[in-house]
Amino acid sequence: MKTTKSMSKVMCLATVAVALLLLCTGTRADDKSAATYKQKCTACHGADGKADTPTGKAMNVRSFASPEVAKMSDQELSDVIEKGKGKMPKYGASMKPEEIKAMVAYVRALGK
């Protein structure tokens, strides 16, 4: 009986530990994406992703909440980040594939 209770407690603690680890890992990825976005993207896309900046307006940059951007697949957004589009520079050489994937998730969150 004591062994079963002890095992249950250990399993519960292990589950909590794994959940906390996953939450912290996601937060670090979000923090890195936010820092990269701030450094490379805000001049055109704005801090909120609405492209309501002088440069964004001059270049007709779309808001991440716009229907045109919202209907793009994650792969399409990844391709734009990696290869660039129009006047947007390409970031495939300076960002790893997993960083691009995290940036797509960050951009999607800004569009909501």
N, C-alpha and C. Protein backbone atom coordinates (compact mmCIF):
# COMPACT_ATOMS: atom_id res chain seq x y z
N MET A 1 0.82 -1.20 0.00
CA MET A 1 0.00 0.00 0.00
C MET A 1 0.87 1.26 0.00
N LYS A 2 1.91 1.29 0.86
CA LYS A 2 2.78 2.46 0.91
C LYS A 2 3.53 2.62 -0.41
N THR A 3 3.91 1.52 -1.03
CA THR A 3 4.64 1.58 -2.29
C THR A 3 3.78 2.20 -3.37
N THR A 4 2.51 1.86 -3.42
CA THR A 4 1.60 2.41 -4.41
C THR A 4 1.43 3.92 -4.21
N LYS A 5 1.28 4.36 -2.96
CA LYS A 5 1.15 5.79 -2.68
C LYS A 5 2.44 6.52 -3.02
N SER A 6 3.56 5.92 -2.69
CA SER A 6 4.85 6.54 -3.00
C SER A 6 5.04 6.66 -4.51
N MET A 7 4.69 5.63 -5.24
CA MET A 7 4.80 5.65 -6.70
C MET A 7 3.87 6.72 -7.28
N SER A 8 2.68 6.84 -6.73
CA SER A 8 1.75 7.85 -7.21
C SER A 8 2.30 9.25 -6.99
N LYS A 9 2.91 9.48 -5.84
CA LYS A 9 3.50 10.79 -5.55
C LYS A 9 4.67 11.08 -6.50
N VAL A 10 5.50 10.08 -6.73
CA VAL A 10 6.64 10.25 -7.62
C VAL A 10 6.16 10.56 -9.04
N MET A 11 5.16 9.83 -9.50
CA MET A 11 4.63 10.06 -10.84
C MET A 11 4.01 11.46 -10.95
N CYS A 12 3.32 11.87 -9.92
CA CYS A 12 2.71 13.20 -9.91
C CYS A 12 3.79 14.28 -9.96
N LEU A 13 4.82 14.14 -9.15
CA LEU A 13 5.92 15.11 -9.14
C LEU A 13 6.66 15.12 -10.48
N ALA A 14 6.85 13.95 -11.07
CA ALA A 14 7.52 13.87 -12.37
C ALA A 14 6.70 14.56 -13.44
N THR A 15 5.39 14.38 -13.41
CA THR A 15 4.51 15.03 -14.37
C THR A 15 4.56 16.54 -14.24
N VAL A 16 4.54 17.02 -13.01
CA VAL A 16 4.62 18.47 -12.76
C VAL A 16 5.97 19.01 -13.25
N ALA A 17 7.05 18.28 -12.98
CA ALA A 17 8.38 18.71 -13.39
C ALA A 17 8.48 18.80 -14.91
N VAL A 18 7.96 17.81 -15.61
CA VAL A 18 7.99 17.82 -17.08
C VAL A 18 7.15 18.98 -17.62
N ALA A 19 5.99 19.20 -17.04
CA ALA A 19 5.13 20.30 -17.49
C ALA A 19 5.83 21.65 -17.30
N LEU A 20 6.47 21.85 -16.16
CA LEU A 20 7.20 23.09 -15.91
C LEU A 20 8.36 23.26 -16.88
N LEU A 21 9.05 22.18 -17.16
CA LEU A 21 10.16 22.23 -18.12
C LEU A 21 9.66 22.63 -19.50
N LEU A 22 8.56 22.06 -19.93
CA LEU A 22 8.00 22.40 -21.24
C LEU A 22 7.55 23.85 -21.28
N LEU A 23 6.95 24.33 -20.22
CA LEU A 23 6.53 25.74 -20.17
C LEU A 23 7.72 26.68 -20.23
N CYS A 24 8.76 26.37 -19.52
CA CYS A 24 9.96 27.21 -19.52
C CYS A 24 10.64 27.20 -20.88
N THR A 25 10.71 26.06 -21.53
CA THR A 25 11.32 25.96 -22.85
C THR A 25 10.55 26.81 -23.85
N GLY A 26 9.24 26.74 -23.83
CA GLY A 26 8.42 27.55 -24.73
C GLY A 26 8.61 29.03 -24.48
N THR A 27 8.75 29.41 -23.24
CA THR A 27 8.93 30.81 -22.89
C THR A 27 10.27 31.31 -23.42
N ARG A 28 11.31 30.51 -23.31
CA ARG A 28 12.62 30.92 -23.83
C ARG A 28 12.57 31.09 -25.34
N ALA A 29 11.88 30.20 -26.03
CA ALA A 29 11.76 30.32 -27.48
C ALA A 29 10.98 31.58 -27.83
N ASP A 30 9.90 31.85 -27.09
CA ASP A 30 9.12 33.07 -27.31
C ASP A 30 9.96 34.32 -27.06
N ASP A 31 10.77 34.28 -25.99
CA ASP A 31 11.64 35.42 -25.67
C ASP A 31 12.65 35.66 -26.78
N LYS A 32 13.22 34.59 -27.30
CA LYS A 32 14.19 34.73 -28.39
C LYS A 32 13.52 35.26 -29.65
N SER A 33 12.34 34.74 -29.96
CA SER A 33 11.60 35.22 -31.13
C SER A 33 11.24 36.69 -30.96
N ALA A 34 10.83 37.07 -29.77
CA ALA A 34 10.47 38.46 -29.51
C ALA A 34 11.69 39.37 -29.69
N ALA A 35 12.84 38.94 -29.20
CA ALA A 35 14.05 39.73 -29.34
C ALA A 35 14.47 39.85 -30.80
N THR A 36 14.40 38.74 -31.52
CA THR A 36 14.75 38.76 -32.94
C THR A 36 13.77 39.63 -33.71
N TYR A 37 12.48 39.50 -33.40
CA TYR A 37 11.46 40.32 -34.06
C TYR A 37 11.72 41.80 -33.81
N LYS A 38 12.02 42.14 -32.57
CA LYS A 38 12.28 43.54 -32.22
C LYS A 38 13.47 44.08 -33.00
N GLN A 39 14.50 43.25 -33.14
CA GLN A 39 15.72 43.67 -33.82
C GLN A 39 15.54 43.77 -35.33
N LYS A 40 14.85 42.81 -35.94
CA LYS A 40 14.82 42.71 -37.39
C LYS A 40 13.51 43.14 -38.06
N CYS A 41 12.42 43.20 -37.32
CA CYS A 41 11.12 43.32 -37.96
C CYS A 41 10.31 44.56 -37.61
N THR A 42 10.54 45.13 -36.43
CA THR A 42 9.65 46.19 -35.96
C THR A 42 9.68 47.46 -36.80
N ALA A 43 10.79 47.74 -37.46
CA ALA A 43 10.85 48.97 -38.26
C ALA A 43 9.75 49.00 -39.32
N CYS A 44 9.46 47.85 -39.91
CA CYS A 44 8.42 47.77 -40.95
C CYS A 44 7.09 47.25 -40.41
N HIS A 45 7.15 46.17 -39.63
CA HIS A 45 5.93 45.51 -39.18
C HIS A 45 5.35 46.11 -37.90
N GLY A 46 6.15 46.91 -37.18
CA GLY A 46 5.69 47.49 -35.94
C GLY A 46 5.76 46.51 -34.79
N ALA A 47 5.83 47.03 -33.58
CA ALA A 47 5.94 46.18 -32.39
C ALA A 47 4.73 45.28 -32.22
N ASP A 48 3.56 45.72 -32.70
CA ASP A 48 2.33 44.95 -32.56
C ASP A 48 1.96 44.16 -33.81
N GLY A 49 2.78 44.23 -34.85
CA GLY A 49 2.52 43.47 -36.07
C GLY A 49 1.49 44.08 -36.99
N LYS A 50 1.07 45.30 -36.70
CA LYS A 50 0.02 45.94 -37.51
C LYS A 50 0.58 46.75 -38.68
N ALA A 51 1.92 46.82 -38.79
CA ALA A 51 2.59 47.53 -39.88
C ALA A 51 2.22 49.01 -39.91
N ASP A 52 1.88 49.55 -38.76
CA ASP A 52 1.47 50.94 -38.66
C ASP A 52 2.68 51.82 -38.31
N THR A 53 3.71 51.70 -39.12
CA THR A 53 4.93 52.48 -38.93
C THR A 53 5.15 53.29 -40.21
N PRO A 54 5.93 54.35 -40.15
CA PRO A 54 6.19 55.10 -41.39
C PRO A 54 6.77 54.22 -42.50
N THR A 55 7.72 53.36 -42.15
CA THR A 55 8.31 52.48 -43.16
C THR A 55 7.29 51.45 -43.64
N GLY A 56 6.54 50.89 -42.72
CA GLY A 56 5.51 49.91 -43.10
C GLY A 56 4.47 50.51 -44.03
N LYS A 57 4.05 51.74 -43.72
CA LYS A 57 3.06 52.42 -44.57
C LYS A 57 3.65 52.73 -45.94
N ALA A 58 4.88 53.21 -45.97
CA ALA A 58 5.51 53.57 -47.24
C ALA A 58 5.70 52.35 -48.15
N MET A 59 5.91 51.19 -47.53
CA MET A 59 6.16 49.97 -48.32
C MET A 59 4.90 49.10 -48.47
N ASN A 60 3.76 49.61 -48.01
CA ASN A 60 2.50 48.85 -48.08
C ASN A 60 2.59 47.48 -47.43
N VAL A 61 3.24 47.43 -46.26
CA VAL A 61 3.36 46.18 -45.52
C VAL A 61 2.00 45.85 -44.92
N ARG A 62 1.62 44.58 -44.99
CA ARG A 62 0.33 44.15 -44.44
C ARG A 62 0.45 43.83 -42.96
N SER A 63 -0.62 44.09 -42.25
CA SER A 63 -0.74 43.69 -40.85
C SER A 63 -0.78 42.16 -40.78
N PHE A 64 -0.21 41.61 -39.72
CA PHE A 64 -0.28 40.16 -39.53
C PHE A 64 -1.72 39.70 -39.29
N ALA A 65 -2.60 40.62 -38.93
CA ALA A 65 -4.01 40.28 -38.72
C ALA A 65 -4.82 40.40 -40.00
N SER A 66 -4.22 40.85 -41.08
CA SER A 66 -4.96 41.02 -42.33
C SER A 66 -5.39 39.66 -42.88
N PRO A 67 -6.50 39.63 -43.59
CA PRO A 67 -6.96 38.36 -44.17
C PRO A 67 -5.92 37.71 -45.10
N GLU A 68 -5.17 38.54 -45.82
CA GLU A 68 -4.16 38.00 -46.74
C GLU A 68 -3.06 37.23 -46.00
N VAL A 69 -2.62 37.78 -44.88
CA VAL A 69 -1.57 37.12 -44.10
C VAL A 69 -2.17 35.95 -43.31
N ALA A 70 -3.35 36.14 -42.76
CA ALA A 70 -3.99 35.08 -41.96
C ALA A 70 -4.22 33.81 -42.78
N LYS A 71 -4.51 33.96 -44.06
CA LYS A 71 -4.79 32.77 -44.88
C LYS A 71 -3.51 32.07 -45.37
N MET A 72 -2.36 32.70 -45.18
CA MET A 72 -1.10 32.07 -45.58
C MET A 72 -0.82 30.87 -44.68
N SER A 73 -0.28 29.82 -45.28
CA SER A 73 0.11 28.65 -44.49
C SER A 73 1.39 28.96 -43.72
N ASP A 74 1.67 28.15 -42.71
CA ASP A 74 2.91 28.32 -41.97
C ASP A 74 4.11 28.16 -42.91
N GLN A 75 4.01 27.25 -43.86
CA GLN A 75 5.11 27.05 -44.81
C GLN A 75 5.31 28.29 -45.67
N GLU A 76 4.23 28.92 -46.10
CA GLU A 76 4.35 30.14 -46.90
C GLU A 76 5.02 31.25 -46.09
N LEU A 77 4.63 31.40 -44.84
CA LEU A 77 5.26 32.41 -43.99
C LEU A 77 6.73 32.08 -43.76
N SER A 78 7.03 30.81 -43.55
CA SER A 78 8.42 30.38 -43.38
C SER A 78 9.24 30.73 -44.62
N ASP A 79 8.67 30.48 -45.78
CA ASP A 79 9.37 30.78 -47.04
C ASP A 79 9.66 32.28 -47.17
N VAL A 80 8.69 33.10 -46.79
CA VAL A 80 8.89 34.56 -46.87
C VAL A 80 10.00 34.98 -45.93
N ILE A 81 10.02 34.44 -44.72
CA ILE A 81 11.07 34.79 -43.76
C ILE A 81 12.42 34.29 -44.28
N GLU A 82 12.45 33.08 -44.77
CA GLU A 82 13.71 32.49 -45.24
C GLU A 82 14.24 33.17 -46.50
N LYS A 83 13.38 33.37 -47.49
CA LYS A 83 13.81 33.83 -48.81
C LYS A 83 13.55 35.30 -49.08
N GLY A 84 12.78 35.95 -48.22
CA GLY A 84 12.42 37.35 -48.44
C GLY A 84 11.29 37.45 -49.46
N LYS A 85 10.75 38.66 -49.58
CA LYS A 85 9.68 38.89 -50.55
C LYS A 85 9.59 40.39 -50.81
N GLY A 86 9.60 40.77 -52.07
CA GLY A 86 9.58 42.19 -52.39
C GLY A 86 10.78 42.87 -51.77
N LYS A 87 10.54 43.89 -50.96
CA LYS A 87 11.63 44.62 -50.31
C LYS A 87 12.05 44.00 -48.98
N MET A 88 11.32 42.97 -48.54
CA MET A 88 11.70 42.31 -47.29
C MET A 88 12.94 41.46 -47.52
N PRO A 89 13.97 41.65 -46.68
CA PRO A 89 15.18 40.85 -46.85
C PRO A 89 14.98 39.40 -46.47
N LYS A 90 15.87 38.54 -46.96
CA LYS A 90 15.82 37.13 -46.61
C LYS A 90 16.62 36.91 -45.33
N TYR A 91 16.13 35.99 -44.50
CA TYR A 91 16.78 35.71 -43.23
C TYR A 91 17.21 34.25 -43.12
N GLY A 92 17.15 33.52 -44.20
CA GLY A 92 17.52 32.10 -44.17
C GLY A 92 18.96 31.86 -43.79
N ALA A 93 19.85 32.79 -44.11
CA ALA A 93 21.26 32.62 -43.77
C ALA A 93 21.55 32.96 -42.31
N SER A 94 20.72 33.79 -41.70
CA SER A 94 20.99 34.22 -40.32
C SER A 94 20.07 33.57 -39.28
N MET A 95 19.06 32.84 -39.74
CA MET A 95 18.14 32.16 -38.81
C MET A 95 18.10 30.68 -39.13
N LYS A 96 18.13 29.86 -38.10
CA LYS A 96 18.03 28.41 -38.26
C LYS A 96 16.58 28.05 -38.54
N PRO A 97 16.34 26.90 -39.18
CA PRO A 97 14.95 26.50 -39.47
C PRO A 97 14.03 26.50 -38.25
N GLU A 98 14.53 26.08 -37.10
CA GLU A 98 13.69 26.07 -35.89
C GLU A 98 13.41 27.49 -35.41
N GLU A 99 14.33 28.42 -35.66
CA GLU A 99 14.09 29.81 -35.30
C GLU A 99 13.04 30.43 -36.23
N ILE A 100 13.08 30.05 -37.49
CA ILE A 100 12.07 30.54 -38.43
C ILE A 100 10.71 30.00 -38.05
N LYS A 101 10.66 28.73 -37.68
CA LYS A 101 9.39 28.13 -37.25
C LYS A 101 8.85 28.84 -36.00
N ALA A 102 9.73 29.15 -35.05
CA ALA A 102 9.31 29.88 -33.85
C ALA A 102 8.85 31.29 -34.21
N MET A 103 9.50 31.91 -35.19
CA MET A 103 9.10 33.25 -35.62
C MET A 103 7.71 33.22 -36.26
N VAL A 104 7.42 32.18 -37.02
CA VAL A 104 6.08 32.05 -37.61
C VAL A 104 5.04 31.99 -36.49
N ALA A 105 5.31 31.21 -35.46
CA ALA A 105 4.38 31.13 -34.32
C ALA A 105 4.24 32.49 -33.64
N TYR A 106 5.33 33.21 -33.50
CA TYR A 106 5.30 34.53 -32.88
C TYR A 106 4.47 35.50 -33.72
N VAL A 107 4.69 35.47 -35.02
CA VAL A 107 3.93 36.35 -35.94
C VAL A 107 2.44 36.00 -35.90
N ARG A 108 2.14 34.71 -35.86
CA ARG A 108 0.73 34.29 -35.77
C ARG A 108 0.10 34.85 -34.49
N ALA A 109 0.83 34.81 -33.39
CA ALA A 109 0.29 35.33 -32.14
C ALA A 109 0.04 36.83 -32.23
N LEU A 110 0.93 37.56 -32.91
CA LEU A 110 0.72 39.00 -33.08
C LEU A 110 -0.52 39.28 -33.95
N GLY A 111 -0.83 38.38 -34.85
CA GLY A 111 -1.95 38.58 -35.75
C GLY A 111 -3.30 38.30 -35.12
N LYS A 112 -3.32 37.83 -33.90
CA LYS A 112 -4.60 37.51 -33.23
C LYS A 112 -5.09 38.65 -32.40
